[in-house]
Amino acid sequence: MSDSLNSTMAKSKNHTNHNQNHKDHRNGIKRPRRKRCPGMKGVDPKFLKNLFYVRKGLMKKKLETKRLEAKRKPTEKKE
């Protein structure tokens, strides 16, 4: 009985990073791809609200110019 108390179990491995760095570099470590439009998450809310109104105004102006061009084109073709 005293023999079983003195003997200890083998310790199991907790962590190893062996070969991981080599595996990572086999195809090369690449930079993350840039998104076309970066997200607005975490941006100042006051700035975002203003940005919304700015974009709204730009859209109004763009639509107005399209309407004017549409009106001009038929008259130019007739002459």
PDB file of N, CA and C in Angstrom:
ATOM      1  N   MET A   1       0.820  -1.184   0.000  1.00  0.00           N
ATOM      2  CA  MET A   1       0.000   0.000   0.000  1.00  0.00           C
ATOM      3  C   MET A   1       0.872   1.259   0.000  1.00  0.00           C
ATOM      4  N   SER A   2       1.962   1.261   0.691  1.00  0.00           N
ATOM      5  CA  SER A   2       2.847   2.416   0.726  1.00  0.00           C
ATOM      6  C   SER A   2       3.508   2.649  -0.626  1.00  0.00           C
ATOM      7  N   ASP A   3       3.672   1.586  -1.435  1.00  0.00           N
ATOM      8  CA  ASP A   3       4.259   1.742  -2.769  1.00  0.00           C
ATOM      9  C   ASP A   3       3.349   2.566  -3.677  1.00  0.00           C
ATOM     10  N   SER A   4       2.042   2.352  -3.572  1.00  0.00           N
ATOM     11  CA  SER A   4       1.115   3.066  -4.447  1.00  0.00           C
ATOM     12  C   SER A   4       1.018   4.551  -4.078  1.00  0.00           C
ATOM     13  N   LEU A   5       1.257   4.896  -2.810  1.00  0.00           N
ATOM     14  CA  LEU A   5       1.197   6.300  -2.403  1.00  0.00           C
ATOM     15  C   LEU A   5       2.413   7.079  -2.899  1.00  0.00           C
ATOM     16  N   ASN A   6       3.558   6.451  -2.936  1.00  0.00           N
ATOM     17  CA  ASN A   6       4.785   7.134  -3.347  1.00  0.00           C
ATOM     18  C   ASN A   6       4.881   7.309  -4.862  1.00  0.00           C
ATOM     19  N   SER A   7       4.312   6.387  -5.611  1.00  0.00           N
ATOM     20  CA  SER A   7       4.419   6.486  -7.070  1.00  0.00           C
ATOM     21  C   SER A   7       3.437   7.552  -7.578  1.00  0.00           C
ATOM     22  N   THR A   8       3.924   8.361  -8.506  1.00  0.00           N
ATOM     23  CA  THR A   8       3.069   9.424  -9.054  1.00  0.00           C
ATOM     24  C   THR A   8       2.763   9.116 -10.517  1.00  0.00           C
ATOM     25  N   MET A   9       1.669   9.668 -10.978  1.00  0.00           N
ATOM     26  CA  MET A   9       1.284   9.466 -12.373  1.00  0.00           C
ATOM     27  C   MET A   9       2.154  10.331 -13.280  1.00  0.00           C
ATOM     28  N   ALA A  10       2.287   9.904 -14.505  1.00  0.00           N
ATOM     29  CA  ALA A  10       3.057  10.671 -15.477  1.00  0.00           C
ATOM     30  C   ALA A  10       2.312  11.971 -15.785  1.00  0.00           C
ATOM     31  N   LYS A  11       3.053  13.050 -15.885  1.00  0.00           N
ATOM     32  CA  LYS A  11       2.437  14.343 -16.176  1.00  0.00           C
ATOM     33  C   LYS A  11       2.098  14.415 -17.666  1.00  0.00           C
ATOM     34  N   SER A  12       0.943  14.974 -17.962  1.00  0.00           N
ATOM     35  CA  SER A  12       0.554  15.118 -19.370  1.00  0.00           C
ATOM     36  C   SER A  12       1.036  16.477 -19.877  1.00  0.00           C
ATOM     37  N   LYS A  13       1.239  16.549 -21.180  1.00  0.00           N
ATOM     38  CA  LYS A  13       1.732  17.784 -21.781  1.00  0.00           C
ATOM     39  C   LYS A  13       0.604  18.827 -21.788  1.00  0.00           C
ATOM     40  N   ASN A  14       0.904  20.025 -21.316  1.00  0.00           N
ATOM     41  CA  ASN A  14      -0.101  21.084 -21.257  1.00  0.00           C
ATOM     42  C   ASN A  14      -0.177  21.896 -22.553  1.00  0.00           C
ATOM     43  N   HIS A  15       0.981  22.211 -23.135  1.00  0.00           N
ATOM     44  CA  HIS A  15       0.961  23.075 -24.317  1.00  0.00           C
ATOM     45  C   HIS A  15       2.240  22.875 -25.120  1.00  0.00           C
ATOM     46  N   THR A  16       2.098  22.933 -26.435  1.00  0.00           N
ATOM     47  CA  THR A  16       3.273  22.946 -27.299  1.00  0.00           C
ATOM     48  C   THR A  16       2.964  23.736 -28.555  1.00  0.00           C
ATOM     49  N   ASN A  17       3.954  24.458 -29.033  1.00  0.00           N
ATOM     50  CA  ASN A  17       3.801  25.237 -30.260  1.00  0.00           C
ATOM     51  C   ASN A  17       4.722  24.683 -31.338  1.00  0.00           C
ATOM     52  N   HIS A  18       5.169  23.472 -31.165  1.00  0.00           N
ATOM     53  CA  HIS A  18       6.140  22.864 -32.061  1.00  0.00           C
ATOM     54  C   HIS A  18       5.583  22.757 -33.477  1.00  0.00           C
ATOM     55  N   ASN A  19       6.353  23.191 -34.463  1.00  0.00           N
ATOM     56  CA  ASN A  19       6.054  23.070 -35.896  1.00  0.00           C
ATOM     57  C   ASN A  19       4.976  24.043 -36.386  1.00  0.00           C
ATOM     58  N   GLN A  20       4.317  24.770 -35.511  1.00  0.00           N
ATOM     59  CA  GLN A  20       3.226  25.643 -35.947  1.00  0.00           C
ATOM     60  C   GLN A  20       3.751  26.820 -36.769  1.00  0.00           C
ATOM     61  N   ASN A  21       4.881  27.390 -36.354  1.00  0.00           N
ATOM     62  CA  ASN A  21       5.465  28.523 -37.067  1.00  0.00           C
ATOM     63  C   ASN A  21       5.891  28.106 -38.470  1.00  0.00           C
ATOM     64  N   HIS A  22       6.439  26.930 -38.592  1.00  0.00           N
ATOM     65  CA  HIS A  22       6.854  26.401 -39.895  1.00  0.00           C
ATOM     66  C   HIS A  22       5.640  26.215 -40.798  1.00  0.00           C
ATOM     67  N   LYS A  23       4.582  25.664 -40.251  1.00  0.00           N
ATOM     68  CA  LYS A  23       3.357  25.435 -41.021  1.00  0.00           C
ATOM     69  C   LYS A  23       2.741  26.767 -41.479  1.00  0.00           C
ATOM     70  N   ASP A  24       2.806  27.775 -40.607  1.00  0.00           N
ATOM     71  CA  ASP A  24       2.253  29.085 -40.948  1.00  0.00           C
ATOM     72  C   ASP A  24       2.998  29.718 -42.126  1.00  0.00           C
ATOM     73  N   HIS A  25       4.309  29.522 -42.179  1.00  0.00           N
ATOM     74  CA  HIS A  25       5.127  30.173 -43.194  1.00  0.00           C
ATOM     75  C   HIS A  25       5.212  29.393 -44.501  1.00  0.00           C
ATOM     76  N   ARG A  26       4.680  28.188 -44.562  1.00  0.00           N
ATOM     77  CA  ARG A  26       4.771  27.387 -45.789  1.00  0.00           C
ATOM     78  C   ARG A  26       4.111  28.095 -46.969  1.00  0.00           C
ATOM     79  N   ASN A  27       2.930  28.654 -46.764  1.00  0.00           N
ATOM     80  CA  ASN A  27       2.245  29.400 -47.818  1.00  0.00           C
ATOM     81  C   ASN A  27       2.428  30.903 -47.653  1.00  0.00           C
ATOM     82  N   GLY A  28       3.206  31.299 -46.691  1.00  0.00           N
ATOM     83  CA  GLY A  28       3.460  32.714 -46.458  1.00  0.00           C
ATOM     84  C   GLY A  28       2.389  33.336 -45.590  1.00  0.00           C
ATOM     85  N   ILE A  29       2.803  34.241 -44.729  1.00  0.00           N
ATOM     86  CA  ILE A  29       1.846  34.957 -43.892  1.00  0.00           C
ATOM     87  C   ILE A  29       1.445  36.201 -44.667  1.00  0.00           C
ATOM     88  N   LYS A  30       0.171  36.289 -45.036  1.00  0.00           N
ATOM     89  CA  LYS A  30      -0.313  37.380 -45.872  1.00  0.00           C
ATOM     90  C   LYS A  30      -1.046  38.412 -45.028  1.00  0.00           C
ATOM     91  N   ARG A  31      -1.034  39.643 -45.517  1.00  0.00           N
ATOM     92  CA  ARG A  31      -1.767  40.705 -44.833  1.00  0.00           C
ATOM     93  C   ARG A  31      -3.254  40.515 -45.086  1.00  0.00           C
ATOM     94  N   PRO A  32      -4.101  40.956 -44.161  1.00  0.00           N
ATOM     95  CA  PRO A  32      -5.546  40.833 -44.392  1.00  0.00           C
ATOM     96  C   PRO A  32      -5.969  41.730 -45.552  1.00  0.00           C
ATOM     97  N   ARG A  33      -6.928  41.246 -46.335  1.00  0.00           N
ATOM     98  CA  ARG A  33      -7.396  42.017 -47.478  1.00  0.00           C
ATOM     99  C   ARG A  33      -8.186  43.223 -47.005  1.00  0.00           C
ATOM    100  N   ARG A  34      -7.965  44.348 -47.670  1.00  0.00           N
ATOM    101  CA  ARG A  34      -8.677  45.580 -47.314  1.00  0.00           C
ATOM    102  C   ARG A  34     -10.076  45.550 -47.900  1.00  0.00           C
ATOM    103  N   LYS A  35     -11.038  45.957 -47.114  1.00  0.00           N
ATOM    104  CA  LYS A  35     -12.414  46.023 -47.574  1.00  0.00           C
ATOM    105  C   LYS A  35     -12.598  47.269 -48.428  1.00  0.00           C
ATOM    106  N   ARG A  36     -13.553  47.216 -49.346  1.00  0.00           N
ATOM    107  CA  ARG A  36     -13.829  48.388 -50.179  1.00  0.00           C
ATOM    108  C   ARG A  36     -14.309  49.543 -49.324  1.00  0.00           C
ATOM    109  N   CYS A  37     -15.269  49.264 -48.462  1.00  0.00           N
ATOM    110  CA  CYS A  37     -15.819  50.294 -47.585  1.00  0.00           C
ATOM    111  C   CYS A  37     -15.543  49.887 -46.144  1.00  0.00           C
ATOM    112  N   PRO A  38     -14.690  50.615 -45.443  1.00  0.00           N
ATOM    113  CA  PRO A  38     -14.448  50.258 -44.048  1.00  0.00           C
ATOM    114  C   PRO A  38     -15.713  50.445 -43.221  1.00  0.00           C
ATOM    115  N   GLY A  39     -15.894  49.606 -42.230  1.00  0.00           N
ATOM    116  CA  GLY A  39     -17.092  49.667 -41.405  1.00  0.00           C
ATOM    117  C   GLY A  39     -17.156  50.938 -40.578  1.00  0.00           C
ATOM    118  N   MET A  40     -18.356  51.340 -40.234  1.00  0.00           N
ATOM    119  CA  MET A  40     -18.560  52.548 -39.433  1.00  0.00           C
ATOM    120  C   MET A  40     -18.819  52.208 -37.967  1.00  0.00           C
ATOM    121  N   LYS A  41     -18.585  50.956 -37.611  1.00  0.00           N
ATOM    122  CA  LYS A  41     -18.799  50.539 -36.231  1.00  0.00           C
ATOM    123  C   LYS A  41     -17.728  51.188 -35.348  1.00  0.00           C
ATOM    124  N   GLY A  42     -18.151  51.802 -34.274  1.00  0.00           N
ATOM    125  CA  GLY A  42     -17.209  52.422 -33.347  1.00  0.00           C
ATOM    126  C   GLY A  42     -16.840  53.845 -33.719  1.00  0.00           C
ATOM    127  N   VAL A  43     -17.479  54.407 -34.743  1.00  0.00           N
ATOM    128  CA  VAL A  43     -17.187  55.781 -35.163  1.00  0.00           C
ATOM    129  C   VAL A  43     -18.087  56.726 -34.368  1.00  0.00           C
ATOM    130  N   ASP A  44     -17.598  57.945 -34.168  1.00  0.00           N
ATOM    131  CA  ASP A  44     -18.304  58.968 -33.396  1.00  0.00           C
ATOM    132  C   ASP A  44     -19.734  59.156 -33.913  1.00  0.00           C
ATOM    133  N   PRO A  45     -20.760  59.001 -33.051  1.00  0.00           N
ATOM    134  CA  PRO A  45     -22.150  59.100 -33.503  1.00  0.00           C
ATOM    135  C   PRO A  45     -22.519  60.469 -34.080  1.00  0.00           C
ATOM    136  N   LYS A  46     -21.927  61.525 -33.543  1.00  0.00           N
ATOM    137  CA  LYS A  46     -22.200  62.875 -34.042  1.00  0.00           C
ATOM    138  C   LYS A  46     -21.716  62.996 -35.495  1.00  0.00           C
ATOM    139  N   PHE A  47     -20.555  62.443 -35.750  1.00  0.00           N
ATOM    140  CA  PHE A  47     -19.996  62.447 -37.100  1.00  0.00           C
ATOM    141  C   PHE A  47     -20.865  61.628 -38.050  1.00  0.00           C
ATOM    142  N   LEU A  48     -21.340  60.468 -37.589  1.00  0.00           N
ATOM    143  CA  LEU A  48     -22.167  59.593 -38.422  1.00  0.00           C
ATOM    144  C   LEU A  48     -23.482  60.263 -38.805  1.00  0.00           C
ATOM    145  N   LYS A  49     -24.075  60.982 -37.852  1.00  0.00           N
ATOM    146  CA  LYS A  49     -25.345  61.660 -38.120  1.00  0.00           C
ATOM    147  C   LYS A  49     -25.149  62.732 -39.189  1.00  0.00           C
ATOM    148  N   ASN A  50     -24.058  63.484 -39.070  1.00  0.00           N
ATOM    149  CA  ASN A  50     -23.752  64.510 -40.062  1.00  0.00           C
ATOM    150  C   ASN A  50     -23.481  63.869 -41.421  1.00  0.00           C
ATOM    151  N   LEU A  51     -22.774  62.750 -41.423  1.00  0.00           N
ATOM    152  CA  LEU A  51     -22.453  62.040 -42.659  1.00  0.00           C
ATOM    153  C   LEU A  51     -23.719  61.601 -43.385  1.00  0.00           C
ATOM    154  N   PHE A  52     -24.706  61.177 -42.612  1.00  0.00           N
ATOM    155  CA  PHE A  52     -25.992  60.766 -43.182  1.00  0.00           C
ATOM    156  C   PHE A  52     -26.637  61.922 -43.937  1.00  0.00           C
ATOM    157  N   TYR A  53     -26.660  63.110 -43.322  1.00  0.00           N
ATOM    158  CA  TYR A  53     -27.274  64.275 -43.954  1.00  0.00           C
ATOM    159  C   TYR A  53     -26.467  64.740 -45.168  1.00  0.00           C
ATOM    160  N   VAL A  54     -25.156  64.632 -45.083  1.00  0.00           N
ATOM    161  CA  VAL A  54     -24.299  65.010 -46.211  1.00  0.00           C
ATOM    162  C   VAL A  54     -24.592  64.114 -47.405  1.00  0.00           C
ATOM    163  N   ARG A  55     -24.653  62.818 -47.175  1.00  0.00           N
ATOM    164  CA  ARG A  55     -24.923  61.868 -48.263  1.00  0.00           C
ATOM    165  C   ARG A  55     -26.310  62.091 -48.859  1.00  0.00           C
ATOM    166  N   LYS A  56     -27.266  62.404 -47.991  1.00  0.00           N
ATOM    167  CA  LYS A  56     -28.637  62.668 -48.433  1.00  0.00           C
ATOM    168  C   LYS A  56     -28.651  63.883 -49.363  1.00  0.00           C
ATOM    169  N   GLY A  57     -27.922  64.933 -48.986  1.00  0.00           N
ATOM    170  CA  GLY A  57     -27.833  66.141 -49.803  1.00  0.00           C
ATOM    171  C   GLY A  57     -27.156  65.876 -51.134  1.00  0.00           C
ATOM    172  N   LEU A  58     -26.109  65.062 -51.122  1.00  0.00           N
ATOM    173  CA  LEU A  58     -25.406  64.728 -52.359  1.00  0.00           C
ATOM    174  C   LEU A  58     -26.308  63.959 -53.314  1.00  0.00           C
ATOM    175  N   MET A  59     -27.118  63.057 -52.753  1.00  0.00           N
ATOM    176  CA  MET A  59     -28.034  62.274 -53.581  1.00  0.00           C
ATOM    177  C   MET A  59     -29.084  63.178 -54.223  1.00  0.00           C
ATOM    178  N   LYS A  60     -29.582  64.169 -53.458  1.00  0.00           N
ATOM    179  CA  LYS A  60     -30.572  65.111 -53.992  1.00  0.00           C
ATOM    180  C   LYS A  60     -29.986  65.864 -55.181  1.00  0.00           C
ATOM    181  N   LYS A  61     -28.759  66.327 -55.015  1.00  0.00           N
ATOM    182  CA  LYS A  61     -28.104  67.092 -56.070  1.00  0.00           C
ATOM    183  C   LYS A  61     -27.880  66.226 -57.306  1.00  0.00           C
ATOM    184  N   LYS A  62     -27.476  64.979 -57.095  1.00  0.00           N
ATOM    185  CA  LYS A  62     -27.233  64.061 -58.203  1.00  0.00           C
ATOM    186  C   LYS A  62     -28.522  63.779 -58.975  1.00  0.00           C
ATOM    187  N   LEU A  63     -29.624  63.556 -58.243  1.00  0.00           N
ATOM    188  CA  LEU A  63     -30.912  63.300 -58.890  1.00  0.00           C
ATOM    189  C   LEU A  63     -31.394  64.524 -59.670  1.00  0.00           C
ATOM    190  N   GLU A  64     -31.163  65.698 -59.107  1.00  0.00           N
ATOM    191  CA  GLU A  64     -31.573  66.942 -59.757  1.00  0.00           C
ATOM    192  C   GLU A  64     -30.822  67.139 -61.074  1.00  0.00           C
ATOM    193  N   THR A  65     -29.531  66.884 -61.069  1.00  0.00           N
ATOM    194  CA  THR A  65     -28.744  67.026 -62.301  1.00  0.00           C
ATOM    195  C   THR A  65     -29.168  65.994 -63.341  1.00  0.00           C
ATOM    196  N   LYS A  66     -29.521  64.798 -62.906  1.00  0.00           N
ATOM    197  CA  LYS A  66     -30.002  63.772 -63.839  1.00  0.00           C
ATOM    198  C   LYS A  66     -31.300  64.218 -64.502  1.00  0.00           C
ATOM    199  N   ARG A  67     -32.205  64.798 -63.712  1.00  0.00           N
ATOM    200  CA  ARG A  67     -33.484  65.279 -64.241  1.00  0.00           C
ATOM    201  C   ARG A  67     -33.263  66.392 -65.274  1.00  0.00           C
ATOM    202  N   LEU A  68     -32.360  67.315 -64.945  1.00  0.00           N
ATOM    203  CA  LEU A  68     -32.068  68.415 -65.864  1.00  0.00           C
ATOM    204  C   LEU A  68     -31.467  67.903 -67.170  1.00  0.00           C
ATOM    205  N   GLU A  69     -30.557  66.949 -67.082  1.00  0.00           N
ATOM    206  CA  GLU A  69     -29.941  66.373 -68.276  1.00  0.00           C
ATOM    207  C   GLU A  69     -30.976  65.639 -69.120  1.00  0.00           C
ATOM    208  N   ALA A  70     -31.891  64.944 -68.449  1.00  0.00           N
ATOM    209  CA  ALA A  70     -32.940  64.215 -69.166  1.00  0.00           C
ATOM    210  C   ALA A  70     -33.851  65.185 -69.917  1.00  0.00           C
ATOM    211  N   LYS A  71     -34.100  66.354 -69.329  1.00  0.00           N
ATOM    212  CA  LYS A  71     -34.943  67.363 -69.981  1.00  0.00           C
ATOM    213  C   LYS A  71     -34.211  68.005 -71.162  1.00  0.00           C
ATOM    214  N   ARG A  72     -32.912  68.239 -71.029  1.00  0.00           N
ATOM    215  CA  ARG A  72     -32.122  68.906 -72.062  1.00  0.00           C
ATOM    216  C   ARG A  72     -31.916  68.022 -73.293  1.00  0.00           C
ATOM    217  N   LYS A  73     -31.656  66.754 -73.097  1.00  0.00           N
ATOM    218  CA  LYS A  73     -31.299  65.857 -74.200  1.00  0.00           C
ATOM    219  C   LYS A  73     -32.364  65.768 -75.290  1.00  0.00           C
ATOM    220  N   PRO A  74     -33.642  65.590 -74.966  1.00  0.00           N
ATOM    221  CA  PRO A  74     -34.644  65.528 -76.039  1.00  0.00           C
ATOM    222  C   PRO A  74     -34.732  66.824 -76.841  1.00  0.00           C
ATOM    223  N   THR A  75     -34.587  67.977 -76.193  1.00  0.00           N
ATOM    224  CA  THR A  75     -34.667  69.252 -76.908  1.00  0.00           C
ATOM    225  C   THR A  75     -33.465  69.421 -77.832  1.00  0.00           C
ATOM    226  N   GLU A  76     -32.299  68.956 -77.428  1.00  0.00           N
ATOM    227  CA  GLU A  76     -31.100  69.061 -78.254  1.00  0.00           C
ATOM    228  C   GLU A  76     -31.217  68.167 -79.484  1.00  0.00           C
ATOM    229  N   LYS A  77     -31.814  67.007 -79.337  1.00  0.00           N
ATOM    230  CA  LYS A  77     -31.950  66.067 -80.447  1.00  0.00           C
ATOM    231  C   LYS A  77     -32.921  66.597 -81.505  1.00  0.00           C
ATOM    232  N   LYS A  78     -33.972  67.301 -81.090  1.00  0.00           N
ATOM    233  CA  LYS A  78     -34.982  67.822 -82.010  1.00  0.00           C
ATOM    234  C   LYS A  78     -34.415  68.931 -82.887  1.00  0.00           C
ATOM    235  N   GLU A  79     -33.530  69.728 -82.374  1.00  0.00           N
ATOM    236  CA  GLU A  79     -32.975  70.866 -83.119  1.00  0.00           C
ATOM    237  C   GLU A  79     -31.964  70.471 -84.102  1.00  0.00           C
TER     238      GLU A  79
END
